[in-house]
Amino acid sequence: MTAASPNSLFGMGNPLLDISAVVDKDFLEKYGLKPNDQILAEDKHKALFDEIVKKFKVEYHAGGATQNSIKIAQWMIQDPHKVCTFFGCIGEDKFGEILKQKSEEAHVDAYYYEQTEEPTGTCAACITGDNRSLVANLAAANCYKKDKHLDLKENWKLVEKAKVYYIAGFFLTVSLESILKVAKHASENNKLFTLNLSAPFISQFFKDALMEVMPYVDVLFGNETEAATFSKEQGFQTEDIEEIAKKAEALPKVNKKRPRIVVFTQGKDGTIMTKGGDKVETFPVLKIDQKDIVDTNGAGDAFVGGFLSELVQDKELEQCVKAGHYAANVIIRRAGCTFPEKPDFH
C-alpha cells in the first residue's frame, strides 16, 4: 500500500460557486426546470440567479463537479494536505476570492487561471424534496485556456507529479485540448486517467468530444440516467445497466496494460462495476432512512471523491467503491457538498 503524497491526485474542471436553496414547484416551472436534472444556463435563466437570492434562503458553497470530488478526496485522506491539485478558471472578483478561500480551507492545492473578461461561474442548486435541479452559469469557468495555464512550465510540472487524474465530462464543453493533453500524458506514462459522464446532455451534444477522450479512459464513472443516455447515443441497443457497463468497458482503449473499469451508481440501488472480461459486480449502498436525507446534491461527486481517495493510495477496487458509498452517505445527510471535520471510514 502506498500512502498518498502531495499533488498525486490531479483534477481539472469548472470551478463554480454553488448558490443552494430549497425552492418551490412554481419556481422550477417558471424557469422550465426538471426536479432532478443538470443543465447549462441559457438566456431565459439569467434572472433565476437574482431571484433565487432574493426570494429564498441561500447558502454558498465551493462547487463544480470536479472540484467537489477533489475536495472530498482530500477530506477522506486528511493527511498529508494538498494531495489534491485542482486547475480551473475563475474571475478576479468576490466570488473568486470565496472559492480560493474555500479551497484553502479544504487543503486542496488549487491553481486557478484568473481572468477579467468573465465573472466567476455560479451554479444554482434548486432543491425540492430530495431532488435537485442544477443550473450552471459557467461564465469564467468557460474561459480556461490550455496555452495560458496548462502549458505553463510550473503548472505542467504539477500535472507530471500526479499519478491519478480526474475530469468530469462537463469540462468537455470548455477545453477538449486540455483534457486530451492530460489524458495522453496519463496513458503514455501508464498512470490512471478517470472521467465522468456527468450529465445526459454531455453524451448527447458533446458526443464527438467525449469519444475523442474515451480511448484514454481507465475508469469511467456515471449514474444510471447518464449510462442510459450514453447507451442510446452509442447505439448499444440495451437499457440493461450491466450490459451498458460491459459495452462501455469494451470500447477501444490506447493503454492496453490496464483494462477499463466502468462504475455506474444507481442512487439507492447497488453500484455496478466491471471487473475485466465479462464480469460485472454489484455493491449494495449503505442503508439510510429517507428522513435522514437532507439533500442529494453532490452525492455523485462525493462517491467519486471517496473512490479516488482510495484509488490514489493503490487500494483494492472494492475498497474504492466502499469509500465512495461512505462519502456519498455522509454528503446526503447535509446541505450542499459539505462534510464534518473528519471522516469516520475504515
Protein backbone atom coordinates (compact mmCIF):
# COMPACT_ATOMS: atom_id res chain seq x y z
CA MET A 1 0.00 0.00 0.00
CA THR A 2 1.26 3.46 -0.75
CA ALA A 3 0.23 6.43 1.32
CA ALA A 4 -0.92 9.46 -0.62
CA SER A 5 1.74 12.06 -1.38
CA PRO A 6 1.25 15.77 -2.18
CA ASN A 7 -0.09 16.52 -5.67
CA SER A 8 -0.63 12.84 -6.52
CA LEU A 9 -4.30 13.34 -7.44
CA PHE A 10 -4.99 15.88 -10.18
CA GLY A 11 -8.36 17.36 -11.10
CA MET A 12 -9.29 19.89 -13.76
CA GLY A 13 -12.74 21.34 -14.31
CA ASN A 14 -15.25 24.13 -13.91
CA PRO A 15 -14.92 25.86 -10.53
CA LEU A 16 -18.34 27.22 -9.62
CA LEU A 17 -19.73 28.88 -6.55
CA ASP A 18 -22.86 26.93 -5.62
CA ILE A 19 -25.85 29.03 -4.66
CA SER A 20 -28.06 26.50 -2.96
CA ALA A 21 -31.69 26.95 -1.85
CA VAL A 22 -34.85 24.99 -1.18
CA VAL A 23 -37.33 26.29 -3.79
CA ASP A 24 -40.95 25.54 -4.71
CA LYS A 25 -42.51 23.81 -7.69
CA ASP A 26 -43.65 27.14 -9.14
CA PHE A 27 -40.06 28.34 -9.27
CA LEU A 28 -38.99 25.24 -11.24
CA GLU A 29 -41.94 25.63 -13.62
CA LYS A 30 -41.26 29.33 -14.16
CA TYR A 31 -37.77 28.52 -15.47
CA GLY A 32 -38.73 25.26 -17.18
CA LEU A 33 -36.60 23.10 -14.88
CA LYS A 34 -36.96 19.39 -14.13
CA PRO A 35 -36.75 18.36 -10.46
CA ASN A 36 -33.72 16.13 -10.97
CA ASP A 37 -31.55 17.42 -13.77
CA GLN A 38 -28.50 19.46 -14.61
CA ILE A 39 -28.30 21.98 -17.41
CA LEU A 40 -26.24 24.92 -18.61
CA ALA A 41 -27.92 28.30 -18.14
CA GLU A 42 -29.49 29.88 -21.22
CA ASP A 43 -30.75 33.44 -21.65
CA LYS A 44 -34.11 32.50 -20.14
CA HIS A 45 -32.34 31.54 -16.90
CA LYS A 46 -30.45 34.84 -16.47
CA ALA A 47 -32.97 36.24 -13.96
CA LEU A 48 -33.04 32.98 -11.98
CA PHE A 49 -29.75 33.73 -10.20
CA ASP A 50 -31.01 37.08 -8.83
CA GLU A 51 -34.43 35.73 -8.00
CA ILE A 52 -33.20 32.74 -6.03
CA VAL A 53 -31.05 35.01 -3.83
CA LYS A 54 -33.89 37.50 -3.26
CA LYS A 55 -36.69 35.01 -2.74
CA PHE A 56 -35.19 32.08 -0.84
CA LYS A 57 -32.69 31.43 1.93
CA VAL A 58 -29.44 30.63 0.11
CA GLU A 59 -26.17 29.04 1.12
CA TYR A 60 -22.88 29.46 -0.73
CA HIS A 61 -20.53 26.51 -1.24
CA ALA A 62 -17.44 25.99 -3.37
CA GLY A 63 -18.73 23.79 -6.15
CA GLY A 64 -18.35 22.47 -9.64
CA ALA A 65 -18.37 18.70 -10.09
CA THR A 66 -14.62 18.05 -10.33
CA GLN A 67 -13.75 20.48 -7.56
CA ASN A 68 -16.33 18.80 -5.29
CA SER A 69 -14.84 15.35 -5.89
CA ILE A 70 -11.27 16.60 -5.37
CA LYS A 71 -12.30 18.34 -2.14
CA ILE A 72 -13.98 15.16 -0.83
CA ALA A 73 -10.95 13.02 -1.76
CA GLN A 74 -8.71 15.37 0.23
CA TRP A 75 -11.14 15.25 3.19
CA MET A 76 -11.15 11.42 3.13
CA ILE A 77 -7.32 11.33 3.01
CA GLN A 78 -6.85 14.09 5.65
CA ASP A 79 -3.04 13.88 5.80
CA PRO A 80 -0.88 14.98 4.15
CA HIS A 81 -2.58 18.18 3.00
CA LYS A 82 -2.57 19.10 -0.70
CA VAL A 83 -2.62 15.54 -2.02
CA CYS A 84 -5.10 17.02 -4.47
CA THR A 85 -4.30 19.59 -7.14
CA PHE A 86 -7.07 21.44 -8.95
CA PHE A 87 -6.97 23.57 -12.13
CA GLY A 88 -9.82 25.74 -13.41
CA CYS A 89 -10.69 29.29 -14.37
CA ILE A 90 -12.24 32.00 -12.17
CA GLY A 91 -12.82 35.75 -12.37
CA GLU A 92 -10.95 38.37 -10.38
CA ASP A 93 -13.95 39.10 -8.16
CA LYS A 94 -15.65 38.48 -4.81
CA PHE A 95 -16.92 35.00 -5.74
CA GLY A 96 -13.44 34.09 -6.99
CA GLU A 97 -11.97 35.13 -3.64
CA ILE A 98 -14.54 32.97 -1.82
CA LEU A 99 -13.55 29.99 -3.99
CA LYS A 100 -9.85 30.50 -3.24
CA GLN A 101 -10.58 30.73 0.46
CA LYS A 102 -12.76 27.57 0.36
CA SER A 103 -10.02 25.58 -1.43
CA GLU A 104 -7.54 26.64 1.17
CA GLU A 105 -9.87 25.58 3.98
CA ALA A 106 -10.27 22.21 2.24
CA HIS A 107 -6.44 21.83 1.98
CA VAL A 108 -6.66 21.48 -1.80
CA ASP A 109 -3.77 22.83 -3.88
CA ALA A 110 -5.85 24.97 -6.25
CA TYR A 111 -4.16 26.78 -9.11
CA TYR A 112 -6.79 28.95 -10.72
CA TYR A 113 -6.37 30.71 -14.02
CA GLU A 114 -7.67 34.18 -13.17
CA GLN A 115 -9.00 36.49 -15.87
CA THR A 116 -11.05 39.69 -16.05
CA GLU A 117 -13.30 39.10 -19.07
CA GLU A 118 -15.89 36.99 -17.26
CA PRO A 119 -17.06 36.80 -13.62
CA THR A 120 -16.57 33.62 -11.56
CA GLY A 121 -19.03 30.91 -12.55
CA THR A 122 -22.04 30.08 -10.41
CA CYS A 123 -24.39 27.14 -10.12
CA ALA A 124 -27.91 27.45 -8.77
CA ALA A 125 -28.89 24.29 -6.91
CA CYS A 126 -32.69 24.40 -6.76
CA ILE A 127 -33.78 21.86 -4.17
CA THR A 128 -37.27 20.36 -3.94
CA GLY A 129 -37.75 17.45 -1.54
CA ASP A 130 -34.72 15.25 -2.03
CA ASN A 131 -34.34 16.23 -5.68
CA ARG A 132 -32.04 18.89 -7.01
CA SER A 133 -32.11 20.79 -10.25
CA LEU A 134 -28.77 22.35 -11.14
CA VAL A 135 -28.41 25.33 -13.44
CA ALA A 136 -24.80 26.21 -14.16
CA ASN A 137 -23.74 29.61 -15.44
CA LEU A 138 -20.16 28.78 -16.41
CA ALA A 139 -19.04 32.36 -17.08
CA ALA A 140 -15.30 32.38 -16.16
CA ALA A 141 -15.15 28.57 -15.97
CA ASN A 142 -15.74 28.61 -19.73
CA CYS A 143 -12.61 30.72 -20.29
CA TYR A 144 -9.99 28.13 -19.33
CA LYS A 145 -7.13 28.26 -21.84
CA LYS A 146 -4.59 25.48 -22.35
CA ASP A 147 -1.86 27.83 -23.62
CA LYS A 148 -2.42 30.41 -20.87
CA HIS A 149 -2.42 27.96 -17.97
CA LEU A 150 -1.96 24.21 -18.50
CA ASP A 151 1.05 24.66 -20.81
CA LEU A 152 2.95 26.91 -18.38
CA LYS A 153 6.05 25.08 -17.20
CA GLU A 154 5.37 25.40 -13.46
CA ASN A 155 1.77 24.25 -13.92
CA TRP A 156 2.61 21.31 -16.17
CA LYS A 157 5.11 20.15 -13.52
CA LEU A 158 2.13 19.63 -11.19
CA VAL A 159 0.40 17.52 -13.83
CA GLU A 160 3.52 15.39 -14.15
CA LYS A 161 3.68 14.91 -10.38
CA ALA A 162 0.25 13.26 -10.29
CA LYS A 163 -0.49 9.58 -10.74
CA VAL A 164 -4.29 9.66 -10.84
CA TYR A 165 -6.27 12.16 -12.93
CA TYR A 166 -9.95 13.01 -12.71
CA ILE A 167 -12.02 15.19 -15.02
CA ALA A 168 -15.81 15.45 -15.08
CA GLY A 169 -17.45 15.31 -18.51
CA PHE A 170 -18.67 18.89 -18.02
CA PHE A 171 -15.17 20.15 -18.88
CA LEU A 172 -15.58 18.71 -22.41
CA THR A 173 -17.72 21.79 -23.11
CA VAL A 174 -14.79 24.06 -22.17
CA SER A 175 -11.39 22.76 -23.23
CA LEU A 176 -11.15 19.46 -25.07
CA GLU A 177 -7.50 20.17 -25.93
CA SER A 178 -6.59 20.50 -22.24
CA ILE A 179 -8.29 17.19 -21.42
CA LEU A 180 -6.54 15.42 -24.29
CA LYS A 181 -3.13 16.72 -23.25
CA VAL A 182 -3.61 15.38 -19.70
CA ALA A 183 -5.22 12.12 -20.90
CA LYS A 184 -2.37 11.39 -23.31
CA HIS A 185 0.22 12.12 -20.64
CA ALA A 186 -1.51 9.64 -18.30
CA SER A 187 -1.77 6.98 -20.98
CA GLU A 188 1.85 7.31 -22.14
CA ASN A 189 3.12 7.05 -18.56
CA ASN A 190 0.79 4.23 -17.50
CA LYS A 191 -0.96 6.44 -14.96
CA LEU A 192 -4.71 6.35 -14.25
CA PHE A 193 -6.99 8.68 -16.18
CA THR A 194 -10.59 8.80 -14.93
CA LEU A 195 -13.62 10.54 -16.46
CA ASN A 196 -17.27 11.06 -15.54
CA LEU A 197 -20.21 11.01 -17.98
CA SER A 198 -21.57 13.81 -15.73
CA ALA A 199 -24.95 14.53 -17.36
CA PRO A 200 -27.14 13.21 -20.18
CA PHE A 201 -26.52 16.32 -22.32
CA ILE A 202 -22.78 15.52 -22.48
CA SER A 203 -23.40 12.15 -24.19
CA GLN A 204 -25.95 13.80 -26.49
CA PHE A 205 -24.46 17.12 -27.55
CA PHE A 206 -20.75 16.63 -26.89
CA LYS A 207 -20.59 13.08 -28.18
CA ASP A 208 -17.64 13.66 -30.54
CA ALA A 209 -15.51 15.27 -27.84
CA LEU A 210 -16.43 12.53 -25.38
CA MET A 211 -15.48 9.80 -27.82
CA GLU A 212 -12.19 11.51 -28.62
CA VAL A 213 -11.21 11.20 -24.96
CA MET A 214 -12.72 7.75 -24.35
CA PRO A 215 -9.72 5.72 -25.66
CA TYR A 216 -7.63 7.18 -22.80
CA VAL A 217 -10.17 6.50 -20.04
CA ASP A 218 -9.07 3.92 -17.45
CA VAL A 219 -12.03 4.43 -15.10
CA LEU A 220 -15.39 5.68 -16.35
CA PHE A 221 -17.96 6.96 -13.83
CA GLY A 222 -21.64 7.69 -14.32
CA ASN A 223 -25.10 7.22 -12.86
CA GLU A 224 -27.98 5.15 -14.25
CA THR A 225 -29.56 8.05 -16.20
CA GLU A 226 -26.26 9.04 -17.79
CA ALA A 227 -25.50 5.41 -18.61
CA ALA A 228 -28.88 5.01 -20.36
CA THR A 229 -28.34 8.13 -22.47
CA PHE A 230 -24.78 7.06 -23.31
CA SER A 231 -26.08 3.66 -24.41
CA LYS A 232 -28.71 5.23 -26.63
CA GLU A 233 -26.27 7.67 -28.24
CA GLN A 234 -23.70 4.91 -28.83
CA GLY A 235 -26.30 2.60 -30.37
CA PHE A 236 -25.70 -0.10 -27.74
CA GLN A 237 -29.36 -1.15 -28.11
CA THR A 238 -29.78 -2.06 -24.47
CA GLU A 239 -31.23 -0.44 -21.38
CA ASP A 240 -29.73 -3.05 -19.07
CA ILE A 241 -27.19 -1.20 -16.94
CA GLU A 242 -24.86 -4.20 -16.61
CA GLU A 243 -24.82 -4.67 -20.38
CA ILE A 244 -24.15 -0.95 -20.88
CA ALA A 245 -21.21 -1.19 -18.46
CA LYS A 246 -19.75 -4.17 -20.36
CA LYS A 247 -20.13 -2.42 -23.72
CA ALA A 248 -18.55 0.77 -22.39
CA GLU A 249 -15.68 -1.28 -20.99
CA ALA A 250 -15.11 -2.88 -24.41
CA LEU A 251 -14.76 0.41 -26.31
CA PRO A 252 -11.30 0.94 -27.90
CA LYS A 253 -8.51 1.78 -25.46
CA VAL A 254 -4.99 3.12 -26.06
CA ASN A 255 -3.17 1.86 -22.95
CA LYS A 256 -3.60 -1.91 -23.18
CA LYS A 257 -1.78 -2.51 -19.89
CA ARG A 258 -4.92 -1.63 -17.96
CA PRO A 259 -8.42 -2.94 -18.66
CA ARG A 260 -11.02 -0.17 -18.47
CA ILE A 261 -13.12 -0.14 -15.31
CA VAL A 262 -16.70 1.14 -15.53
CA VAL A 263 -18.50 2.24 -12.38
CA PHE A 264 -22.21 3.14 -12.52
CA THR A 265 -24.09 4.33 -9.43
CA GLN A 266 -27.87 3.95 -9.19
CA GLY A 267 -28.93 6.12 -6.26
CA LYS A 268 -30.23 3.85 -3.51
CA ASP A 269 -29.77 0.75 -5.67
CA GLY A 270 -26.45 -1.07 -5.84
CA THR A 271 -23.40 0.32 -7.62
CA ILE A 272 -22.23 -1.66 -10.62
CA MET A 273 -18.58 -2.18 -11.53
CA THR A 274 -16.97 -4.11 -14.38
CA LYS A 275 -14.02 -6.30 -13.46
CA GLY A 276 -12.30 -7.02 -16.78
CA GLY A 277 -13.63 -9.63 -19.19
CA ASP A 278 -17.31 -10.32 -18.78
CA LYS A 279 -17.60 -9.91 -15.03
CA VAL A 280 -19.84 -7.27 -13.51
CA GLU A 281 -20.21 -6.92 -9.77
CA THR A 282 -22.91 -5.12 -7.79
CA PHE A 283 -22.16 -3.46 -4.46
CA PRO A 284 -25.06 -2.54 -2.16
CA VAL A 285 -25.05 1.07 -0.92
CA LEU A 286 -25.20 1.93 2.77
CA LYS A 287 -28.73 1.95 4.14
CA ILE A 288 -30.17 5.33 5.05
CA ASP A 289 -33.57 6.31 6.39
CA GLN A 290 -35.48 8.57 3.98
CA LYS A 291 -35.97 11.12 6.77
CA ASP A 292 -32.20 11.44 7.21
CA ILE A 293 -31.68 12.59 3.62
CA VAL A 294 -31.24 16.34 3.62
CA ASP A 295 -30.16 16.93 0.04
CA THR A 296 -28.76 14.62 -2.67
CA ASN A 297 -26.85 17.49 -4.31
CA GLY A 298 -23.23 16.40 -4.62
CA ALA A 299 -23.87 12.71 -3.82
CA GLY A 300 -22.39 11.58 -7.15
CA ASP A 301 -19.40 13.89 -6.76
CA ALA A 302 -18.90 12.58 -3.23
CA PHE A 303 -18.96 8.97 -4.42
CA VAL A 304 -16.21 9.75 -6.94
CA GLY A 305 -14.21 11.66 -4.32
CA GLY A 306 -14.34 8.73 -1.92
CA PHE A 307 -13.42 6.30 -4.70
CA LEU A 308 -10.44 8.41 -5.79
CA SER A 309 -9.17 8.84 -2.22
CA GLU A 310 -8.52 5.08 -2.06
CA LEU A 311 -7.50 4.69 -5.72
CA VAL A 312 -4.65 7.17 -5.30
CA GLN A 313 -3.41 5.05 -2.39
CA ASP A 314 -3.41 1.91 -4.57
CA LYS A 315 -6.21 0.26 -2.60
CA GLU A 316 -8.35 -2.57 -4.00
CA LEU A 317 -11.26 -1.53 -6.23
CA GLU A 318 -13.79 -2.99 -3.76
CA GLN A 319 -12.34 -0.70 -1.11
CA CYS A 320 -12.61 2.26 -3.51
CA VAL A 321 -16.35 1.57 -4.01
CA LYS A 322 -16.83 1.22 -0.26
CA ALA A 323 -15.16 4.60 0.33
CA GLY A 324 -17.36 6.09 -2.39
CA HIS A 325 -20.51 4.79 -0.72
CA TYR A 326 -19.34 6.08 2.65
CA ALA A 327 -18.63 9.59 1.31
CA ALA A 328 -21.97 9.79 -0.54
CA ASN A 329 -23.80 8.62 2.60
CA VAL A 330 -22.20 11.44 4.60
CA ILE A 331 -22.99 14.11 1.99
CA ILE A 332 -26.69 13.34 1.56
CA ARG A 333 -27.23 13.93 5.28
CA ARG A 334 -26.08 17.53 4.87
CA ALA A 335 -26.97 20.61 2.81
CA GLY A 336 -24.78 21.07 -0.26
CA CYS A 337 -21.50 19.26 -0.82
CA THR A 338 -20.29 19.77 2.77
CA PHE A 339 -18.82 17.40 5.31
CA PRO A 340 -17.90 17.12 9.01
CA GLU A 341 -14.37 17.86 10.15
CA LYS A 342 -13.12 14.27 9.94
CA PRO A 343 -14.31 11.15 8.13
CA ASP A 344 -15.10 8.01 10.08
CA PHE A 345 -14.22 5.50 7.39
CA HIS A 346 -12.40 2.22 7.99
